[in-house]
Amino acid sequence: MEVEASMISPGYYRAIGTPLLRGREFTEADRKGSERVVIVNQAFADRFWPGQDPIGKHVGAISTPPSVVVGVVGTAKYRSLREPPTPALAVPVQQMYSDAMTIVARTSLEADVALRQITDVVATLDPDLPLIRPGPLADKLSLALARERLMALLLGAFAALAAALSAAGLYAVVAYRMQARTREWGIRLAIGARPESVLWLAQR
């Protein structure tokens, strides 16, 4: 089965806004040489330990030693808004090397100011380290929602077109009936029918 796996640092879930349901997040003590730990999401816990407390359970693969589950977080959307609840797990970045990372920062500063500060800090660590597509998370979310917005726009456009066609068709039918009965109404008025009664007949 498909499982989303990621390497994160302490405080990641607080920064990204994913709720911690039970257990704990990673700490600076979760590093190479210490007990291997892992955090799973609720979908992972429901899939592998339904009705059980996953804290203290072990997760492992053939090529790696087992890791102890120390926390459970809420299930999120990882690739698409349309995806079903996907099991996911995370390991401390200090326990598993990665040559590429995504920096997530929660700040009260303006986005441009925060981005300049982050860029300066990265430059002090390694001037040659590139930052690829930096920007506010709101912009990333807007890009992820572009397809949904396009679908909503197209649906609204088709609904408006359908309403316009229906109105045009109704107008044509009513106009035809009015024109077909014009002579009848003239005769009714000529023999003494009241205008309001003729109007009532036209509205039937």
C-alpha atoms as a PDB file:
ATOM      1  CA  MET A   1       0.000   0.000   0.000  1.00  0.00           C
ATOM      2  CA  GLU A   2       1.058   3.600  -0.496  1.00  0.00           C
ATOM      3  CA  VAL A   3       2.477   5.375   2.546  1.00  0.00           C
ATOM      4  CA  GLU A   4       3.683   8.977   2.555  1.00  0.00           C
ATOM      5  CA  ALA A   5       7.082   9.222   4.262  1.00  0.00           C
ATOM      6  CA  SER A   6       8.952  12.368   5.211  1.00  0.00           C
ATOM      7  CA  MET A   7      11.911  13.527   7.273  1.00  0.00           C
ATOM      8  CA  ILE A   8      11.165  16.441   9.573  1.00  0.00           C
ATOM      9  CA  SER A   9      12.799  18.448  12.343  1.00  0.00           C
ATOM     10  CA  PRO A  10      11.391  19.264  15.807  1.00  0.00           C
ATOM     11  CA  GLY A  11       8.545  21.774  15.713  1.00  0.00           C
ATOM     12  CA  TYR A  12       7.507  20.988  12.147  1.00  0.00           C
ATOM     13  CA  TYR A  13       3.922  20.047  12.963  1.00  0.00           C
ATOM     14  CA  ARG A  14       3.449  23.169  15.089  1.00  0.00           C
ATOM     15  CA  ALA A  15       4.764  25.301  12.225  1.00  0.00           C
ATOM     16  CA  ILE A  16       2.604  23.662   9.583  1.00  0.00           C
ATOM     17  CA  GLY A  17      -0.503  23.562  11.779  1.00  0.00           C
ATOM     18  CA  THR A  18      -1.047  19.786  11.897  1.00  0.00           C
ATOM     19  CA  PRO A  19      -2.606  18.840  15.255  1.00  0.00           C
ATOM     20  CA  LEU A  20      -0.795  16.424  17.572  1.00  0.00           C
ATOM     21  CA  LEU A  21      -3.459  13.912  18.670  1.00  0.00           C
ATOM     22  CA  ARG A  22      -1.427  11.878  21.151  1.00  0.00           C
ATOM     23  CA  GLY A  23       2.149  11.289  22.200  1.00  0.00           C
ATOM     24  CA  ARG A  24       4.840  13.845  21.458  1.00  0.00           C
ATOM     25  CA  GLU A  25       6.658  15.567  18.630  1.00  0.00           C
ATOM     26  CA  PHE A  26      10.329  15.043  17.884  1.00  0.00           C
ATOM     27  CA  THR A  27      12.908  16.769  20.072  1.00  0.00           C
ATOM     28  CA  GLU A  28      16.598  17.608  19.711  1.00  0.00           C
ATOM     29  CA  ALA A  29      17.326  14.356  21.605  1.00  0.00           C
ATOM     30  CA  ASP A  30      15.974  12.330  18.667  1.00  0.00           C
ATOM     31  CA  ARG A  31      19.217  12.131  16.735  1.00  0.00           C
ATOM     32  CA  LYS A  32      21.632   9.593  15.335  1.00  0.00           C
ATOM     33  CA  GLY A  33      22.706   7.106  17.996  1.00  0.00           C
ATOM     34  CA  SER A  34      19.495   7.432  20.025  1.00  0.00           C
ATOM     35  CA  GLU A  35      16.447   5.191  19.829  1.00  0.00           C
ATOM     36  CA  ARG A  36      14.871   5.331  16.383  1.00  0.00           C
ATOM     37  CA  VAL A  37      11.472   6.983  16.569  1.00  0.00           C
ATOM     38  CA  VAL A  38       8.645   7.740  14.171  1.00  0.00           C
ATOM     39  CA  ILE A  39       5.435   9.780  14.121  1.00  0.00           C
ATOM     40  CA  VAL A  40       2.419   8.441  12.222  1.00  0.00           C
ATOM     41  CA  ASN A  41      -0.835  10.048  11.171  1.00  0.00           C
ATOM     42  CA  GLN A  42      -4.295   8.889  12.222  1.00  0.00           C
ATOM     43  CA  ALA A  43      -4.899   7.099   8.909  1.00  0.00           C
ATOM     44  CA  PHE A  44      -1.727   5.065   9.470  1.00  0.00           C
ATOM     45  CA  ALA A  45      -2.829   4.165  13.012  1.00  0.00           C
ATOM     46  CA  ASP A  46      -6.328   3.201  11.858  1.00  0.00           C
ATOM     47  CA  ARG A  47      -4.918   1.043   9.070  1.00  0.00           C
ATOM     48  CA  PHE A  48      -2.374  -0.943  11.085  1.00  0.00           C
ATOM     49  CA  TRP A  49      -3.664  -0.771  14.688  1.00  0.00           C
ATOM     50  CA  PRO A  50      -7.439  -0.263  14.546  1.00  0.00           C
ATOM     51  CA  GLY A  51      -8.878   0.302  17.996  1.00  0.00           C
ATOM     52  CA  GLN A  52      -5.433   0.261  19.633  1.00  0.00           C
ATOM     53  CA  ASP A  53      -3.100   2.873  21.052  1.00  0.00           C
ATOM     54  CA  PRO A  54      -0.246   3.136  18.515  1.00  0.00           C
ATOM     55  CA  ILE A  55       2.163   4.789  20.984  1.00  0.00           C
ATOM     56  CA  GLY A  56       4.990   2.358  21.659  1.00  0.00           C
ATOM     57  CA  LYS A  57       4.265   0.215  18.586  1.00  0.00           C
ATOM     58  CA  HIS A  58       7.116  -0.573  16.196  1.00  0.00           C
ATOM     59  CA  VAL A  59       7.441   0.301  12.516  1.00  0.00           C
ATOM     60  CA  GLY A  60      10.224  -1.114  10.394  1.00  0.00           C
ATOM     61  CA  ALA A  61      11.370  -2.255   6.990  1.00  0.00           C
ATOM     62  CA  ILE A  62      13.530  -5.132   5.855  1.00  0.00           C
ATOM     63  CA  SER A  63      16.614  -2.949   5.408  1.00  0.00           C
ATOM     64  CA  THR A  64      16.220  -0.733   8.502  1.00  0.00           C
ATOM     65  CA  PRO A  65      15.881  -1.354  12.245  1.00  0.00           C
ATOM     66  CA  PRO A  66      12.383  -0.878  13.697  1.00  0.00           C
ATOM     67  CA  SER A  67      11.356   2.539  14.984  1.00  0.00           C
ATOM     68  CA  VAL A  68       9.111   3.254  17.960  1.00  0.00           C
ATOM     69  CA  VAL A  69       5.937   5.273  17.430  1.00  0.00           C
ATOM     70  CA  VAL A  70       6.121   8.291  19.748  1.00  0.00           C
ATOM     71  CA  GLY A  71       3.314  10.439  18.337  1.00  0.00           C
ATOM     72  CA  VAL A  72       0.136  10.482  16.259  1.00  0.00           C
ATOM     73  CA  VAL A  73      -0.922  13.528  14.236  1.00  0.00           C
ATOM     74  CA  GLY A  74      -4.023  14.372  12.263  1.00  0.00           C
ATOM     75  CA  THR A  75      -4.382  13.101   8.710  1.00  0.00           C
ATOM     76  CA  ALA A  76      -3.743  15.783   6.091  1.00  0.00           C
ATOM     77  CA  LYS A  77      -3.757  16.140   2.321  1.00  0.00           C
ATOM     78  CA  TYR A  78      -0.268  15.483   0.966  1.00  0.00           C
ATOM     79  CA  ARG A  79      -0.504  15.630  -2.836  1.00  0.00           C
ATOM     80  CA  SER A  80      -4.043  16.601  -3.830  1.00  0.00           C
ATOM     81  CA  LEU A  81      -7.260  17.856  -2.263  1.00  0.00           C
ATOM     82  CA  ARG A  82      -9.056  14.956  -3.935  1.00  0.00           C
ATOM     83  CA  GLU A  83      -6.899  12.205  -2.454  1.00  0.00           C
ATOM     84  CA  PRO A  84      -8.433   9.811   0.100  1.00  0.00           C
ATOM     85  CA  PRO A  85      -7.023   9.681   3.663  1.00  0.00           C
ATOM     86  CA  THR A  86      -3.468   8.446   3.098  1.00  0.00           C
ATOM     87  CA  PRO A  87      -1.337   6.718   5.766  1.00  0.00           C
ATOM     88  CA  ALA A  88       1.812   8.739   6.454  1.00  0.00           C
ATOM     89  CA  LEU A  89       4.801   8.618   8.748  1.00  0.00           C
ATOM     90  CA  ALA A  90       7.670  10.915   9.585  1.00  0.00           C
ATOM     91  CA  VAL A  91      11.162  10.285  10.952  1.00  0.00           C
ATOM     92  CA  PRO A  92      13.556  12.797  12.529  1.00  0.00           C
ATOM     93  CA  VAL A  93      15.870  14.360   9.980  1.00  0.00           C
ATOM     94  CA  GLN A  94      18.694  13.938  12.511  1.00  0.00           C
ATOM     95  CA  GLN A  95      18.278  10.153  12.226  1.00  0.00           C
ATOM     96  CA  MET A  96      18.083   9.926   8.432  1.00  0.00           C
ATOM     97  CA  TYR A  97      20.129  12.021   6.014  1.00  0.00           C
ATOM     98  CA  SER A  98      18.525  13.927   3.162  1.00  0.00           C
ATOM     99  CA  ASP A  99      20.338  16.108   0.623  1.00  0.00           C
ATOM    100  CA  ALA A 100      17.225  18.229  -0.039  1.00  0.00           C
ATOM    101  CA  MET A 101      14.911  19.870   2.469  1.00  0.00           C
ATOM    102  CA  THR A 102      11.943  22.204   2.596  1.00  0.00           C
ATOM    103  CA  ILE A 103      12.076  25.018   5.133  1.00  0.00           C
ATOM    104  CA  VAL A 104       8.760  25.845   6.817  1.00  0.00           C
ATOM    105  CA  ALA A 105       8.689  28.895   9.106  1.00  0.00           C
ATOM    106  CA  ARG A 106       5.780  30.407  11.030  1.00  0.00           C
ATOM    107  CA  THR A 107       6.351  34.077  11.734  1.00  0.00           C
ATOM    108  CA  SER A 108       4.551  37.301  12.609  1.00  0.00           C
ATOM    109  CA  LEU A 109       6.781  39.239  10.200  1.00  0.00           C
ATOM    110  CA  GLU A 110       5.822  40.284   6.699  1.00  0.00           C
ATOM    111  CA  ALA A 111       6.502  37.527   4.183  1.00  0.00           C
ATOM    112  CA  ASP A 112       9.202  39.503   2.337  1.00  0.00           C
ATOM    113  CA  VAL A 113      11.029  40.379   5.555  1.00  0.00           C
ATOM    114  CA  ALA A 114      10.920  36.806   6.826  1.00  0.00           C
ATOM    115  CA  LEU A 115      12.100  35.464   3.476  1.00  0.00           C
ATOM    116  CA  ARG A 116      15.099  37.828   3.459  1.00  0.00           C
ATOM    117  CA  GLN A 117      16.050  36.756   6.956  1.00  0.00           C
ATOM    118  CA  ILE A 118      15.795  33.064   6.074  1.00  0.00           C
ATOM    119  CA  THR A 119      17.868  33.648   2.936  1.00  0.00           C
ATOM    120  CA  ASP A 120      20.547  35.439   4.990  1.00  0.00           C
ATOM    121  CA  VAL A 121      20.707  32.588   7.523  1.00  0.00           C
ATOM    122  CA  VAL A 122      21.049  29.977   4.776  1.00  0.00           C
ATOM    123  CA  ALA A 123      23.758  32.063   3.111  1.00  0.00           C
ATOM    124  CA  THR A 124      25.781  32.153   6.358  1.00  0.00           C
ATOM    125  CA  LEU A 125      25.610  28.346   6.493  1.00  0.00           C
ATOM    126  CA  ASP A 126      26.524  27.814   2.840  1.00  0.00           C
ATOM    127  CA  PRO A 127      26.706  30.671   0.304  1.00  0.00           C
ATOM    128  CA  ASP A 128      26.430  28.209  -2.580  1.00  0.00           C
ATOM    129  CA  LEU A 129      23.275  26.501  -1.277  1.00  0.00           C
ATOM    130  CA  PRO A 130      20.361  27.400  -3.586  1.00  0.00           C
ATOM    131  CA  LEU A 131      16.849  28.234  -2.397  1.00  0.00           C
ATOM    132  CA  ILE A 132      14.376  26.887  -4.925  1.00  0.00           C
ATOM    133  CA  ARG A 133      11.004  28.637  -5.348  1.00  0.00           C
ATOM    134  CA  PRO A 134      10.840  30.364  -1.945  1.00  0.00           C
ATOM    135  CA  GLY A 135       7.615  32.124  -1.047  1.00  0.00           C
ATOM    136  CA  PRO A 136       4.652  32.340   1.323  1.00  0.00           C
ATOM    137  CA  LEU A 137       2.703  29.170   1.966  1.00  0.00           C
ATOM    138  CA  ALA A 138      -0.453  31.005   0.898  1.00  0.00           C
ATOM    139  CA  ASP A 139       0.991  31.248  -2.635  1.00  0.00           C
ATOM    140  CA  LYS A 140       1.755  27.520  -2.648  1.00  0.00           C
ATOM    141  CA  LEU A 141      -1.788  26.762  -1.499  1.00  0.00           C
ATOM    142  CA  SER A 142      -3.202  29.084  -4.143  1.00  0.00           C
ATOM    143  CA  LEU A 143      -1.302  27.174  -6.814  1.00  0.00           C
ATOM    144  CA  ALA A 144      -2.553  23.872  -5.403  1.00  0.00           C
ATOM    145  CA  LEU A 145      -6.131  25.191  -5.513  1.00  0.00           C
ATOM    146  CA  ALA A 146      -5.815  26.493  -9.095  1.00  0.00           C
ATOM    147  CA  ARG A 147      -7.347  23.345 -10.580  1.00  0.00           C
ATOM    148  CA  GLU A 148     -10.270  23.432  -8.144  1.00  0.00           C
ATOM    149  CA  ARG A 149     -10.868  27.110  -8.929  1.00  0.00           C
ATOM    150  CA  LEU A 150     -10.782  26.373 -12.662  1.00  0.00           C
ATOM    151  CA  MET A 151     -13.306  23.560 -12.226  1.00  0.00           C
ATOM    152  CA  ALA A 152     -15.569  25.837 -10.184  1.00  0.00           C
ATOM    153  CA  LEU A 153     -15.260  28.594 -12.806  1.00  0.00           C
ATOM    154  CA  LEU A 154     -16.112  26.205 -15.643  1.00  0.00           C
ATOM    155  CA  LEU A 155     -19.034  24.766 -13.679  1.00  0.00           C
ATOM    156  CA  GLY A 156     -20.362  28.265 -13.005  1.00  0.00           C
ATOM    157  CA  ALA A 157     -19.954  29.220 -16.664  1.00  0.00           C
ATOM    158  CA  PHE A 158     -21.821  26.120 -17.857  1.00  0.00           C
ATOM    159  CA  ALA A 159     -24.569  26.740 -15.284  1.00  0.00           C
ATOM    160  CA  ALA A 160     -24.957  30.338 -16.483  1.00  0.00           C
ATOM    161  CA  LEU A 161     -25.070  29.155 -20.103  1.00  0.00           C
ATOM    162  CA  ALA A 162     -27.718  26.554 -19.236  1.00  0.00           C
ATOM    163  CA  ALA A 163     -29.795  29.216 -17.443  1.00  0.00           C
ATOM    164  CA  ALA A 164     -29.497  31.572 -20.420  1.00  0.00           C
ATOM    165  CA  LEU A 165     -30.561  28.848 -22.867  1.00  0.00           C
ATOM    166  CA  SER A 166     -33.495  27.901 -20.642  1.00  0.00           C
ATOM    167  CA  ALA A 167     -34.598  31.540 -20.396  1.00  0.00           C
ATOM    168  CA  ALA A 168     -34.318  31.960 -24.173  1.00  0.00           C
ATOM    169  CA  GLY A 169     -36.314  28.799 -24.785  1.00  0.00           C
ATOM    170  CA  LEU A 170     -39.014  29.832 -22.306  1.00  0.00           C
ATOM    171  CA  TYR A 171     -39.210  33.279 -23.886  1.00  0.00           C
ATOM    172  CA  ALA A 172     -39.591  31.758 -27.354  1.00  0.00           C
ATOM    173  CA  VAL A 173     -42.399  29.452 -26.223  1.00  0.00           C
ATOM    174  CA  VAL A 174     -44.275  32.236 -24.438  1.00  0.00           C
ATOM    175  CA  ALA A 175     -43.830  34.635 -27.363  1.00  0.00           C
ATOM    176  CA  TYR A 176     -45.123  32.007 -29.806  1.00  0.00           C
ATOM    177  CA  ARG A 177     -48.200  31.323 -27.679  1.00  0.00           C
ATOM    178  CA  MET A 178     -48.888  35.035 -27.325  1.00  0.00           C
ATOM    179  CA  GLN A 179     -48.617  35.621 -31.056  1.00  0.00           C
ATOM    180  CA  ALA A 180     -50.774  32.595 -31.853  1.00  0.00           C
ATOM    181  CA  ARG A 181     -53.607  33.873 -29.615  1.00  0.00           C
ATOM    182  CA  THR A 182     -53.492  37.551 -30.563  1.00  0.00           C
ATOM    183  CA  ARG A 183     -56.538  37.231 -32.836  1.00  0.00           C
ATOM    184  CA  GLU A 184     -58.466  35.361 -30.139  1.00  0.00           C
ATOM    185  CA  TRP A 185     -57.848  38.104 -27.598  1.00  0.00           C
ATOM    186  CA  GLY A 186     -58.863  40.769 -30.094  1.00  0.00           C
ATOM    187  CA  ILE A 187     -62.193  39.004 -30.651  1.00  0.00           C
ATOM    188  CA  ARG A 188     -62.742  38.650 -26.875  1.00  0.00           C
ATOM    189  CA  LEU A 189     -62.136  42.356 -26.378  1.00  0.00           C
ATOM    190  CA  ALA A 190     -64.441  43.197 -29.308  1.00  0.00           C
ATOM    191  CA  ILE A 191     -67.358  41.236 -27.798  1.00  0.00           C
ATOM    192  CA  GLY A 192     -66.974  42.925 -24.413  1.00  0.00           C
ATOM    193  CA  ALA A 193     -64.363  40.999 -22.425  1.00  0.00           C
ATOM    194  CA  ARG A 194     -62.616  43.024 -19.776  1.00  0.00           C
ATOM    195  CA  PRO A 195     -58.879  43.723 -20.347  1.00  0.00           C
ATOM    196  CA  GLU A 196     -57.935  42.239 -16.958  1.00  0.00           C
ATOM    197  CA  SER A 197     -59.636  38.926 -17.818  1.00  0.00           C
ATOM    198  CA  VAL A 198     -57.775  38.799 -21.150  1.00  0.00           C
ATOM    199  CA  LEU A 199     -54.520  39.494 -19.291  1.00  0.00           C
ATOM    200  CA  TRP A 200     -55.320  36.651 -16.906  1.00  0.00           C
ATOM    201  CA  LEU A 201     -55.827  34.298 -19.857  1.00  0.00           C
ATOM    202  CA  ALA A 202     -52.471  35.387 -21.291  1.00  0.00           C
ATOM    203  CA  GLN A 203     -50.721  34.528 -18.041  1.00  0.00           C
ATOM    204  CA  ARG A 204     -52.147  31.003 -17.786  1.00  0.00           C
END
